[in-house]
């Protein structure tokens, strides 16, 4: 499959995170990564035709978290500078407040748009999850125990009833902040970089650097303990919630192996299913973007990046695949 991408190359640094607005009109992108700071801490808003719409300037350190509100009118950003900022889709700065809990690694709007969750840490063993109103008033503060200080995963279930957060240990809360389950860890335990909710909100999965993957119900019951064929575990559920993709393995929802895929390729560091479930996209540290069929059959190799791909993300209509790389570019691929 040969596709010539549209290249978004105004980024002056490695592109760490990208997220499409709910209507697919804008793609938000961060500049720089943890351990690779940039003099440019702005967030770019790109139009889907590849033109730059706005540069959001205000953060003084690397932005680690992006989240669009469900109505697409507000973008939340969280930064290592310890602040949370809200921006309009027109580029206007709307609100800024200190998290008062250290560096902010994650932000996540609830599906109803009535709360914003943030994940921050003062030290490696002091991660905090805070729930805020849409205008920045603190609702409650939650916590997990360990993090490793490199990242923090935070995600609402698609139905908005649950919130999962963690890095080494993970907790499951109700939408009001009541703790339902604790997947315990320790200060020296292997970080679990991969985390994903199934679209039907019934299951969530975590995967660590050793390739250990676990699937849980929304009540915290263990469904399956699995092992991927690599330690670079990234996880993504198919839109019908029937398949969980790891970096080298596809599993059914009950934990049984569907197939080993991506066997000869570099392990995927980012995975994303197309909205219609036709394609699984992967990005890897070798700079390649690959397409797979749901049964694991290779369907296309997209090559343009000259360094590791940090994230792949489909537009909501499934017509464009965005890939973000260390080479300072974003590529937009029109997938037929």
Foldseek 3Di string as FASTA:
>chain_A
DDFDWQKQFPFPFFWFDWDAQQVRQWIKIAHAFVVGKDCDGWIWIAGPVNHTQETADDDRTHWQEWEAALVRQWIWIFFQSQKIWIAGPNRHTDDMDGPVAGGWRYWYAQNVRQWIWTWHHPDQQWIKIWIAGNRGHTLDIDTAGGAQPRHKDWDAQNVRQWIWIDWFKIWIAGNNGHTQDIRDGDHPGFTFPAKDAQNVQQKIKTAGQQQWMWIAGSNGHTQDIAGAPGSLWYWDAANVRQWIDTQFFIAGNSGHTLDGACVPHAGFNEWDAQNVRQWIWGWAQQQWIWIAGPSRHTDDIYHDDRGGWNYWDARNVRQWIWITGRSSMIIITGDD
